[in-house]
Amino acid sequence: MFTSIITHPGGAHKDDFLACCVLLTQASVPIYRRDPSAKDLKDSSVAVVDIGLQHSSKIYNFDHHQLSSEQVPTCALSLVLKDLGLYEDAREYCDWLETSEWLDCRGSADTATWLGTNRKVLEKLNSPIDSVLLRRFASQVEHHKGEPIWEVMLMIGQDLVKYINELKSRIDFISEHAQIWNFKTKKALFMPQTDPLPKEPSAGLARFISQKQLDRDVIAMVYPDSRGTGYGLRRFNDDQRLDFTLISSQNDVHFTHARGFIAKTSATKIDRLKELLEFAHKE
C-alpha cells in the first residue's frame, strides 16, 4: 500500500483533487504537490496522480495525459475508480462524472458543445464550493492528516465511495420491493413500508426509474414518509400533469408544497393512495 500521494503543483482541477480524495479512503497518507522524480514513478509506496505520463495501477501511477486525444475522455479520477472496481457503477450513478471527464480532457468549449449548450451556461453552474476547495488545495505544497483541507478531502472521498456502493445495494433493494401502478394514462412507482425502513425511503427511486427505462411512463413516486407512518407523494421529473395542491383539502393530507410537486399523507391503504394520485392528476 502506498504511503504518500504526489500530484502536480500549480493550479488544481477536479480530477486530481477528487482522485486524491478517493485514494485517501484507501490510506490516510500525506499529499505532496510537486513534480515526481523518476524514483517516485517506480516506487509502489508512492501514488502519483495526474502527472508523470504513466498509468500503472500496480505501482499506483494514475496519469492520463499520455493517452491519445482521440480516446474516450479519461481523467485521473477515472483511472483511480477503475483500479478500485468502482468506475462502471460511478458512471451509472454519478451523472457529473462523464462531464468532469470531458471538461478535463476536452476543455469547456468542446464540453459545452457536447452537452448541447455554450460555455457561458457552464460558467453559471460554477459554485464557490468548487473554487474555494480547489484554490485552497492548490495553495499548499503539502497536505497532512488533521489539517482542514485534508480532512475535507477524506470526507469527500468517503462519501463518494459510500454513495456508489450503497446506491447499488439500494437499487437492488428497490428492485425486490417496488411496484408499478397504473393510474389515468400513466404510471407511478410505489415503494411499500419495509421492516426495517431505510433511513431515506425515497433514496434511489428516481435512479431506479431511469435505469429501468421507465422515464416516459412513470410520472409519480409514492414512498414511506420518513417522518411519519404515512407516505410521501412526489412528481417524477417534475411532471406538470400532477399538482398535489389539488389534494390539499383532503382530511388525510397534512402537507402539500405550494408549487404542487410533493405531498404528505397519513393514508396507508393502497386504494386510498391511488385515489389521491387520481385526484392530483390534472385533466
C-alpha atoms as a PDB file:
ATOM      1  CA  MET A   1       0.000   0.000   0.000  1.00  0.00           C
ATOM      2  CA  PHE A   2       1.204   3.496  -0.812  1.00  0.00           C
ATOM      3  CA  THR A   3       2.439   5.741   1.995  1.00  0.00           C
ATOM      4  CA  SER A   4       2.152   9.100   0.224  1.00  0.00           C
ATOM      5  CA  ILE A   5       0.429  10.762  -2.733  1.00  0.00           C
ATOM      6  CA  ILE A   6       2.099  13.081  -5.219  1.00  0.00           C
ATOM      7  CA  THR A   7       0.113  15.253  -7.607  1.00  0.00           C
ATOM      8  CA  HIS A   8       1.137  18.159  -9.800  1.00  0.00           C
ATOM      9  CA  PRO A   9       1.907  21.639  -8.474  1.00  0.00           C
ATOM     10  CA  GLY A  10       0.225  24.796  -9.746  1.00  0.00           C
ATOM     11  CA  GLY A  11      -3.477  25.061 -10.409  1.00  0.00           C
ATOM     12  CA  ALA A  12      -5.687  22.239  -9.165  1.00  0.00           C
ATOM     13  CA  HIS A  13      -8.555  20.675 -11.073  1.00  0.00           C
ATOM     14  CA  LYS A  14     -11.493  18.499 -10.120  1.00  0.00           C
ATOM     15  CA  ASP A  15      -9.950  15.300 -11.458  1.00  0.00           C
ATOM     16  CA  ASP A  16      -6.679  15.430  -9.477  1.00  0.00           C
ATOM     17  CA  PHE A  17      -8.494  16.746  -6.392  1.00  0.00           C
ATOM     18  CA  LEU A  18     -11.168  14.029  -6.446  1.00  0.00           C
ATOM     19  CA  ALA A  19      -8.681  11.303  -7.379  1.00  0.00           C
ATOM     20  CA  CYS A  20      -6.696  12.191  -4.251  1.00  0.00           C
ATOM     21  CA  CYS A  21      -9.927  12.243  -2.206  1.00  0.00           C
ATOM     22  CA  VAL A  22     -10.752   8.687  -3.266  1.00  0.00           C
ATOM     23  CA  LEU A  23      -7.185   7.468  -2.673  1.00  0.00           C
ATOM     24  CA  LEU A  24      -7.314   8.814   0.881  1.00  0.00           C
ATOM     25  CA  THR A  25     -10.079   6.280   1.598  1.00  0.00           C
ATOM     26  CA  GLN A  26      -7.510   3.561   0.934  1.00  0.00           C
ATOM     27  CA  ALA A  27      -4.672   5.041   3.000  1.00  0.00           C
ATOM     28  CA  SER A  28      -4.541   8.047   5.347  1.00  0.00           C
ATOM     29  CA  VAL A  29      -1.358   9.474   3.873  1.00  0.00           C
ATOM     30  CA  PRO A  30       0.094  12.930   3.203  1.00  0.00           C
ATOM     31  CA  ILE A  31      -0.346  14.608  -0.200  1.00  0.00           C
ATOM     32  CA  TYR A  32       2.574  16.400  -1.839  1.00  0.00           C
ATOM     33  CA  ARG A  33       2.022  18.816  -4.722  1.00  0.00           C
ATOM     34  CA  ARG A  34       5.263  18.640  -6.713  1.00  0.00           C
ATOM     35  CA  ASP A  35       6.790  17.032  -9.786  1.00  0.00           C
ATOM     36  CA  PRO A  36       7.531  13.341  -9.230  1.00  0.00           C
ATOM     37  CA  SER A  37      11.072  12.058  -9.599  1.00  0.00           C
ATOM     38  CA  ALA A  38      11.996   9.022 -11.712  1.00  0.00           C
ATOM     39  CA  LYS A  39      12.318   7.139  -8.434  1.00  0.00           C
ATOM     40  CA  ASP A  40       8.798   8.165  -7.357  1.00  0.00           C
ATOM     41  CA  LEU A  41       7.349   6.786 -10.582  1.00  0.00           C
ATOM     42  CA  LYS A  42       8.894   3.379  -9.916  1.00  0.00           C
ATOM     43  CA  ASP A  43       8.113   3.289  -6.206  1.00  0.00           C
ATOM     44  CA  SER A  44       4.935   1.376  -5.351  1.00  0.00           C
ATOM     45  CA  SER A  45       4.795   3.113  -1.978  1.00  0.00           C
ATOM     46  CA  VAL A  46       4.122   6.425  -3.745  1.00  0.00           C
ATOM     47  CA  ALA A  47       0.844   7.086  -5.559  1.00  0.00           C
ATOM     48  CA  VAL A  48       1.427   9.530  -8.427  1.00  0.00           C
ATOM     49  CA  VAL A  49      -1.742  11.278  -9.610  1.00  0.00           C
ATOM     50  CA  ASP A  50      -2.401  13.290 -12.790  1.00  0.00           C
ATOM     51  CA  ILE A  51       1.282  13.721 -13.602  1.00  0.00           C
ATOM     52  CA  GLY A  52       4.179  11.545 -14.746  1.00  0.00           C
ATOM     53  CA  LEU A  53       2.810  10.380 -18.134  1.00  0.00           C
ATOM     54  CA  GLN A  54       2.310   6.863 -16.839  1.00  0.00           C
ATOM     55  CA  HIS A  55      -0.645   4.680 -15.934  1.00  0.00           C
ATOM     56  CA  SER A  56       0.215   1.567 -13.969  1.00  0.00           C
ATOM     57  CA  SER A  57      -2.160   0.772 -11.145  1.00  0.00           C
ATOM     58  CA  LYS A  58       0.187  -1.926  -9.839  1.00  0.00           C
ATOM     59  CA  ILE A  59       2.586   0.789  -8.727  1.00  0.00           C
ATOM     60  CA  TYR A  60      -0.133   3.437  -8.197  1.00  0.00           C
ATOM     61  CA  ASN A  61       0.633   5.639 -11.181  1.00  0.00           C
ATOM     62  CA  PHE A  62      -2.549   7.378 -12.348  1.00  0.00           C
ATOM     63  CA  ASP A  63      -1.840   9.811 -15.174  1.00  0.00           C
ATOM     64  CA  HIS A  64      -3.871  10.174 -18.361  1.00  0.00           C
ATOM     65  CA  HIS A  65      -2.025  12.891 -20.246  1.00  0.00           C
ATOM     66  CA  GLN A  66      -0.089  10.356 -22.328  1.00  0.00           C
ATOM     67  CA  LEU A  67      -3.333   8.913 -23.714  1.00  0.00           C
ATOM     68  CA  SER A  68      -4.436   9.760 -27.248  1.00  0.00           C
ATOM     69  CA  SER A  69      -6.607  12.852 -27.627  1.00  0.00           C
ATOM     70  CA  GLU A  70      -8.943  10.711 -29.734  1.00  0.00           C
ATOM     71  CA  GLN A  71      -9.598   8.321 -26.856  1.00  0.00           C
ATOM     72  CA  VAL A  72     -12.828   8.425 -24.885  1.00  0.00           C
ATOM     73  CA  PRO A  73     -12.301  11.168 -22.269  1.00  0.00           C
ATOM     74  CA  THR A  74     -10.477   9.601 -19.328  1.00  0.00           C
ATOM     75  CA  CYS A  75      -9.102  11.575 -16.384  1.00  0.00           C
ATOM     76  CA  ALA A  76      -7.077  10.732 -13.275  1.00  0.00           C
ATOM     77  CA  LEU A  77     -10.251  10.143 -11.280  1.00  0.00           C
ATOM     78  CA  SER A  78     -11.438   7.673 -13.938  1.00  0.00           C
ATOM     79  CA  LEU A  79      -8.215   5.668 -13.549  1.00  0.00           C
ATOM     80  CA  VAL A  80      -8.417   5.583  -9.751  1.00  0.00           C
ATOM     81  CA  LEU A  81     -12.068   4.493  -9.811  1.00  0.00           C
ATOM     82  CA  LYS A  82     -11.235   1.769 -12.336  1.00  0.00           C
ATOM     83  CA  ASP A  83      -8.450   0.489 -10.107  1.00  0.00           C
ATOM     84  CA  LEU A  84     -10.890   0.198  -7.200  1.00  0.00           C
ATOM     85  CA  GLY A  85     -13.535  -1.525  -9.328  1.00  0.00           C
ATOM     86  CA  LEU A  86     -15.917   1.403  -8.885  1.00  0.00           C
ATOM     87  CA  TYR A  87     -15.833   3.036 -12.299  1.00  0.00           C
ATOM     88  CA  GLU A  88     -18.758   1.335 -14.045  1.00  0.00           C
ATOM     89  CA  ASP A  89     -21.067   1.941 -11.092  1.00  0.00           C
ATOM     90  CA  ALA A  90     -19.794   5.516 -10.771  1.00  0.00           C
ATOM     91  CA  ARG A  91     -20.630   6.185 -14.425  1.00  0.00           C
ATOM     92  CA  GLU A  92     -24.064   4.664 -13.839  1.00  0.00           C
ATOM     93  CA  TYR A  93     -24.886   6.578 -10.660  1.00  0.00           C
ATOM     94  CA  CYS A  94     -22.826   9.801 -10.799  1.00  0.00           C
ATOM     95  CA  ASP A  95     -24.216  11.959 -13.612  1.00  0.00           C
ATOM     96  CA  TRP A  96     -21.477  14.546 -13.117  1.00  0.00           C
ATOM     97  CA  LEU A  97     -18.604  12.113 -13.780  1.00  0.00           C
ATOM     98  CA  GLU A  98     -18.715  11.996 -17.569  1.00  0.00           C
ATOM     99  CA  THR A  99     -18.983  15.785 -17.737  1.00  0.00           C
ATOM    100  CA  SER A 100     -15.943  16.088 -15.447  1.00  0.00           C
ATOM    101  CA  GLU A 101     -14.024  13.738 -17.747  1.00  0.00           C
ATOM    102  CA  TRP A 102     -14.927  15.857 -20.756  1.00  0.00           C
ATOM    103  CA  LEU A 103     -14.006  19.115 -19.041  1.00  0.00           C
ATOM    104  CA  ASP A 104     -10.609  17.803 -18.028  1.00  0.00           C
ATOM    105  CA  CYS A 105      -9.775  16.164 -21.355  1.00  0.00           C
ATOM    106  CA  ARG A 106     -11.561  18.343 -23.913  1.00  0.00           C
ATOM    107  CA  GLY A 107     -11.951  21.722 -22.247  1.00  0.00           C
ATOM    108  CA  SER A 108     -15.026  23.850 -21.629  1.00  0.00           C
ATOM    109  CA  ALA A 109     -15.774  24.800 -25.264  1.00  0.00           C
ATOM    110  CA  ASP A 110     -15.903  21.212 -26.552  1.00  0.00           C
ATOM    111  CA  THR A 111     -17.704  20.055 -23.404  1.00  0.00           C
ATOM    112  CA  ALA A 112     -20.373  22.722 -23.851  1.00  0.00           C
ATOM    113  CA  THR A 113     -20.877  21.652 -27.462  1.00  0.00           C
ATOM    114  CA  TRP A 114     -21.116  18.004 -26.373  1.00  0.00           C
ATOM    115  CA  LEU A 115     -23.756  18.998 -23.805  1.00  0.00           C
ATOM    116  CA  GLY A 116     -25.661  20.988 -26.423  1.00  0.00           C
ATOM    117  CA  THR A 117     -25.100  24.344 -24.749  1.00  0.00           C
ATOM    118  CA  ASN A 118     -22.438  27.073 -24.570  1.00  0.00           C
ATOM    119  CA  ARG A 119     -19.560  27.983 -22.273  1.00  0.00           C
ATOM    120  CA  LYS A 120     -21.488  30.749 -20.523  1.00  0.00           C
ATOM    121  CA  VAL A 121     -24.057  28.250 -19.307  1.00  0.00           C
ATOM    122  CA  LEU A 122     -21.273  26.116 -17.805  1.00  0.00           C
ATOM    123  CA  GLU A 123     -19.806  29.169 -16.095  1.00  0.00           C
ATOM    124  CA  LYS A 124     -23.161  29.913 -14.473  1.00  0.00           C
ATOM    125  CA  LEU A 125     -23.081  26.463 -12.883  1.00  0.00           C
ATOM    126  CA  ASN A 126     -19.790  27.114 -11.091  1.00  0.00           C
ATOM    127  CA  SER A 127     -20.008  27.104  -7.313  1.00  0.00           C
ATOM    128  CA  PRO A 128     -17.814  28.802  -4.686  1.00  0.00           C
ATOM    129  CA  ILE A 129     -17.604  25.379  -3.049  1.00  0.00           C
ATOM    130  CA  ASP A 130     -15.654  24.159  -6.088  1.00  0.00           C
ATOM    131  CA  SER A 131     -13.468  27.220  -6.484  1.00  0.00           C
ATOM    132  CA  VAL A 132     -12.581  27.637  -2.805  1.00  0.00           C
ATOM    133  CA  LEU A 133     -11.672  23.987  -2.250  1.00  0.00           C
ATOM    134  CA  LEU A 134      -9.558  23.816  -5.405  1.00  0.00           C
ATOM    135  CA  ARG A 135      -7.830  27.117  -4.675  1.00  0.00           C
ATOM    136  CA  ARG A 136      -7.036  26.137  -1.083  1.00  0.00           C
ATOM    137  CA  PHE A 137      -5.825  22.710  -2.236  1.00  0.00           C
ATOM    138  CA  ALA A 138      -3.520  24.399  -4.768  1.00  0.00           C
ATOM    139  CA  SER A 139      -2.246  26.974  -2.280  1.00  0.00           C
ATOM    140  CA  GLN A 140      -0.229  24.464  -0.215  1.00  0.00           C
ATOM    141  CA  VAL A 141       2.576  22.183  -1.330  1.00  0.00           C
ATOM    142  CA  GLU A 142       1.751  19.642   1.380  1.00  0.00           C
ATOM    143  CA  HIS A 143      -1.468  18.395   2.977  1.00  0.00           C
ATOM    144  CA  HIS A 144      -1.432  16.274   6.123  1.00  0.00           C
ATOM    145  CA  LYS A 145      -3.924  14.413   8.289  1.00  0.00           C
ATOM    146  CA  GLY A 146      -5.603  16.707  10.804  1.00  0.00           C
ATOM    147  CA  GLU A 147      -5.445  19.773   8.545  1.00  0.00           C
ATOM    148  CA  PRO A 148      -8.810  21.176   7.359  1.00  0.00           C
ATOM    149  CA  ILE A 149      -8.367  20.584   3.608  1.00  0.00           C
ATOM    150  CA  TRP A 150      -7.006  17.050   4.106  1.00  0.00           C
ATOM    151  CA  GLU A 151      -9.891  16.125   6.408  1.00  0.00           C
ATOM    152  CA  VAL A 152     -12.477  17.576   3.994  1.00  0.00           C
ATOM    153  CA  MET A 153     -10.877  15.615   1.150  1.00  0.00           C
ATOM    154  CA  LEU A 154     -11.142  12.422   3.159  1.00  0.00           C
ATOM    155  CA  MET A 155     -14.823  13.124   3.865  1.00  0.00           C
ATOM    156  CA  ILE A 156     -15.491  13.742   0.163  1.00  0.00           C
ATOM    157  CA  GLY A 157     -13.734  10.502  -0.787  1.00  0.00           C
ATOM    158  CA  GLN A 158     -15.559   8.503   1.869  1.00  0.00           C
ATOM    159  CA  ASP A 159     -18.955   9.897   0.894  1.00  0.00           C
ATOM    160  CA  LEU A 160     -18.331   9.286  -2.807  1.00  0.00           C
ATOM    161  CA  VAL A 161     -17.271   5.658  -2.314  1.00  0.00           C
ATOM    162  CA  LYS A 162     -20.115   5.074   0.143  1.00  0.00           C
ATOM    163  CA  TYR A 163     -22.642   6.633  -2.233  1.00  0.00           C
ATOM    164  CA  ILE A 164     -21.566   4.414  -5.129  1.00  0.00           C
ATOM    165  CA  ASN A 165     -21.583   1.230  -3.061  1.00  0.00           C
ATOM    166  CA  GLU A 166     -24.787   1.961  -1.148  1.00  0.00           C
ATOM    167  CA  LEU A 167     -26.763   3.145  -4.165  1.00  0.00           C
ATOM    168  CA  LYS A 168     -26.031  -0.106  -5.961  1.00  0.00           C
ATOM    169  CA  SER A 169     -27.387  -2.035  -2.954  1.00  0.00           C
ATOM    170  CA  ARG A 170     -30.325   0.371  -2.719  1.00  0.00           C
ATOM    171  CA  ILE A 171     -31.245  -0.203  -6.384  1.00  0.00           C
ATOM    172  CA  ASP A 172     -31.225  -3.951  -5.761  1.00  0.00           C
ATOM    173  CA  PHE A 173     -33.472  -3.413  -2.710  1.00  0.00           C
ATOM    174  CA  ILE A 174     -35.907  -1.305  -4.734  1.00  0.00           C
ATOM    175  CA  SER A 175     -35.987  -3.929  -7.486  1.00  0.00           C
ATOM    176  CA  GLU A 176     -37.024  -6.500  -4.900  1.00  0.00           C
ATOM    177  CA  HIS A 177     -39.824  -4.470  -3.281  1.00  0.00           C
ATOM    178  CA  ALA A 178     -41.120  -1.763  -5.636  1.00  0.00           C
ATOM    179  CA  GLN A 179     -44.358  -1.937  -7.609  1.00  0.00           C
ATOM    180  CA  ILE A 180     -45.501  -0.105 -10.716  1.00  0.00           C
ATOM    181  CA  TRP A 181     -49.060   1.205 -10.523  1.00  0.00           C
ATOM    182  CA  ASN A 182     -51.271   2.237 -13.420  1.00  0.00           C
ATOM    183  CA  PHE A 183     -53.358   5.371 -12.959  1.00  0.00           C
ATOM    184  CA  LYS A 184     -55.032   7.615 -15.508  1.00  0.00           C
ATOM    185  CA  THR A 185     -52.923   7.233 -18.663  1.00  0.00           C
ATOM    186  CA  LYS A 186     -49.615   6.972 -16.833  1.00  0.00           C
ATOM    187  CA  LYS A 187     -47.816   5.055 -14.074  1.00  0.00           C
ATOM    188  CA  ALA A 188     -46.494   5.543 -10.555  1.00  0.00           C
ATOM    189  CA  LEU A 189     -43.669   3.844  -8.696  1.00  0.00           C
ATOM    190  CA  PHE A 190     -44.777   2.594  -5.283  1.00  0.00           C
ATOM    191  CA  MET A 191     -42.283   1.702  -2.565  1.00  0.00           C
ATOM    192  CA  PRO A 192     -44.061  -0.057   0.333  1.00  0.00           C
ATOM    193  CA  GLN A 193     -43.227   0.100   4.023  1.00  0.00           C
ATOM    194  CA  THR A 194     -40.474  -2.385   4.912  1.00  0.00           C
ATOM    195  CA  ASP A 195     -39.011  -3.550   8.194  1.00  0.00           C
ATOM    196  CA  PRO A 196     -36.516  -2.139   8.785  1.00  0.00           C
ATOM    197  CA  LEU A 197     -37.347   1.088   6.960  1.00  0.00           C
ATOM    198  CA  PRO A 198     -34.396   2.670   5.108  1.00  0.00           C
ATOM    199  CA  LYS A 199     -33.161   5.939   6.606  1.00  0.00           C
ATOM    200  CA  GLU A 200     -34.150   7.768   3.402  1.00  0.00           C
ATOM    201  CA  PRO A 201     -37.072   5.813   1.902  1.00  0.00           C
ATOM    202  CA  SER A 202     -37.126   7.900  -1.296  1.00  0.00           C
ATOM    203  CA  ALA A 203     -33.407   7.462  -1.992  1.00  0.00           C
ATOM    204  CA  GLY A 204     -32.625   5.803  -5.305  1.00  0.00           C
ATOM    205  CA  LEU A 205     -36.192   5.753  -6.624  1.00  0.00           C
ATOM    206  CA  ALA A 206     -35.598   8.235  -9.439  1.00  0.00           C
ATOM    207  CA  ARG A 207     -32.381   6.449 -10.382  1.00  0.00           C
ATOM    208  CA  PHE A 208     -34.230   3.112 -10.434  1.00  0.00           C
ATOM    209  CA  ILE A 209     -36.899   4.533 -12.765  1.00  0.00           C
ATOM    210  CA  SER A 210     -34.258   5.820 -15.174  1.00  0.00           C
ATOM    211  CA  GLN A 211     -32.199   2.636 -15.013  1.00  0.00           C
ATOM    212  CA  LYS A 212     -35.269   0.538 -15.869  1.00  0.00           C
ATOM    213  CA  GLN A 213     -36.070   2.942 -18.734  1.00  0.00           C
ATOM    214  CA  LEU A 214     -39.452   3.830 -17.271  1.00  0.00           C
ATOM    215  CA  ASP A 215     -38.907   7.590 -17.648  1.00  0.00           C
ATOM    216  CA  ARG A 216     -41.600   8.014 -20.285  1.00  0.00           C
ATOM    217  CA  ASP A 217     -44.272   6.160 -18.351  1.00  0.00           C
ATOM    218  CA  VAL A 218     -43.775   6.971 -14.674  1.00  0.00           C
ATOM    219  CA  ILE A 219     -44.820  10.445 -13.528  1.00  0.00           C
ATOM    220  CA  ALA A 220     -45.191   9.880  -9.770  1.00  0.00           C
ATOM    221  CA  MET A 221     -43.383   8.265  -6.856  1.00  0.00           C
ATOM    222  CA  VAL A 222     -45.083   7.046  -3.679  1.00  0.00           C
ATOM    223  CA  TYR A 223     -42.854   6.070  -0.773  1.00  0.00           C
ATOM    224  CA  PRO A 224     -42.888   5.755   3.040  1.00  0.00           C
ATOM    225  CA  ASP A 225     -42.703   9.045   4.901  1.00  0.00           C
ATOM    226  CA  SER A 226     -39.500   9.054   6.963  1.00  0.00           C
ATOM    227  CA  ARG A 227     -41.133  11.438   9.471  1.00  0.00           C
ATOM    228  CA  GLY A 228     -44.410   9.603   9.984  1.00  0.00           C
ATOM    229  CA  THR A 229     -46.401   6.441   9.397  1.00  0.00           C
ATOM    230  CA  GLY A 230     -47.905   7.539   6.094  1.00  0.00           C
ATOM    231  CA  TYR A 231     -46.493   8.168   2.636  1.00  0.00           C
ATOM    232  CA  GLY A 232     -44.918  10.861   0.537  1.00  0.00           C
ATOM    233  CA  LEU A 233     -46.180  11.560  -2.983  1.00  0.00           C
ATOM    234  CA  ARG A 234     -43.867  13.302  -5.419  1.00  0.00           C
ATOM    235  CA  ARG A 235     -43.786  14.206  -9.085  1.00  0.00           C
ATOM    236  CA  PHE A 236     -41.150  12.336 -11.096  1.00  0.00           C
ATOM    237  CA  ASN A 237     -39.075  14.644 -13.298  1.00  0.00           C
ATOM    238  CA  ASP A 238     -41.362  17.451 -12.093  1.00  0.00           C
ATOM    239  CA  ASP A 239     -44.119  16.247 -14.416  1.00  0.00           C
ATOM    240  CA  GLN A 240     -46.661  19.077 -14.573  1.00  0.00           C
ATOM    241  CA  ARG A 241     -49.580  16.732 -15.076  1.00  0.00           C
ATOM    242  CA  LEU A 242     -49.557  16.248 -11.310  1.00  0.00           C
ATOM    243  CA  ASP A 243     -50.460  19.059  -8.935  1.00  0.00           C
ATOM    244  CA  PHE A 244     -50.630  17.970  -5.334  1.00  0.00           C
ATOM    245  CA  THR A 245     -52.194  21.247  -4.222  1.00  0.00           C
ATOM    246  CA  LEU A 246     -55.372  19.726  -5.673  1.00  0.00           C
ATOM    247  CA  ILE A 247     -55.477  17.324  -2.714  1.00  0.00           C
ATOM    248  CA  SER A 248     -54.530  19.815  -0.004  1.00  0.00           C
ATOM    249  CA  SER A 249     -58.098  19.861   1.334  1.00  0.00           C
ATOM    250  CA  GLN A 250     -58.250  16.096   1.826  1.00  0.00           C
ATOM    251  CA  ASN A 251     -58.537  15.161   5.520  1.00  0.00           C
ATOM    252  CA  ASP A 252     -55.667  12.674   5.400  1.00  0.00           C
ATOM    253  CA  VAL A 253     -53.255  15.016   3.566  1.00  0.00           C
ATOM    254  CA  HIS A 254     -51.256  17.059   6.084  1.00  0.00           C
ATOM    255  CA  PHE A 255     -48.768  18.777   3.783  1.00  0.00           C
ATOM    256  CA  THR A 256     -48.634  19.970   0.185  1.00  0.00           C
ATOM    257  CA  HIS A 257     -45.919  22.199  -1.216  1.00  0.00           C
ATOM    258  CA  ALA A 258     -47.195  25.475  -2.664  1.00  0.00           C
ATOM    259  CA  ARG A 259     -45.679  24.556  -6.027  1.00  0.00           C
ATOM    260  CA  GLY A 260     -47.525  21.258  -6.043  1.00  0.00           C
ATOM    261  CA  PHE A 261     -44.622  18.888  -6.577  1.00  0.00           C
ATOM    262  CA  ILE A 262     -44.886  16.960  -3.293  1.00  0.00           C
ATOM    263  CA  ALA A 263     -47.439  15.988  -0.646  1.00  0.00           C
ATOM    264  CA  LYS A 264     -47.514  14.020   2.608  1.00  0.00           C
ATOM    265  CA  THR A 265     -50.425  11.872   3.694  1.00  0.00           C
ATOM    266  CA  SER A 266     -51.280   9.727   6.702  1.00  0.00           C
ATOM    267  CA  ALA A 267     -53.043   7.292   4.370  1.00  0.00           C
ATOM    268  CA  THR A 268     -51.508   3.816   4.223  1.00  0.00           C
ATOM    269  CA  LYS A 269     -54.022   1.780   2.231  1.00  0.00           C
ATOM    270  CA  ILE A 270     -53.086   1.245  -1.405  1.00  0.00           C
ATOM    271  CA  ASP A 271     -56.556   2.044  -2.748  1.00  0.00           C
ATOM    272  CA  ARG A 272     -56.548   5.392  -0.953  1.00  0.00           C
ATOM    273  CA  LEU A 273     -53.037   6.282  -2.161  1.00  0.00           C
ATOM    274  CA  LYS A 274     -54.080   5.525  -5.734  1.00  0.00           C
ATOM    275  CA  GLU A 275     -57.173   7.653  -5.259  1.00  0.00           C
ATOM    276  CA  LEU A 276     -55.073  10.613  -4.114  1.00  0.00           C
ATOM    277  CA  LEU A 277     -52.944  10.296  -7.252  1.00  0.00           C
ATOM    278  CA  GLU A 278     -56.080  10.316  -9.359  1.00  0.00           C
ATOM    279  CA  PHE A 279     -57.299  13.496  -7.628  1.00  0.00           C
ATOM    280  CA  ALA A 280     -53.907  15.188  -8.148  1.00  0.00           C
ATOM    281  CA  HIS A 281     -53.820  14.396 -11.881  1.00  0.00           C
ATOM    282  CA  LYS A 282     -54.720  17.482 -13.930  1.00  0.00           C
ATOM    283  CA  GLU A 283     -57.104  16.811 -16.800  1.00  0.00           C
END
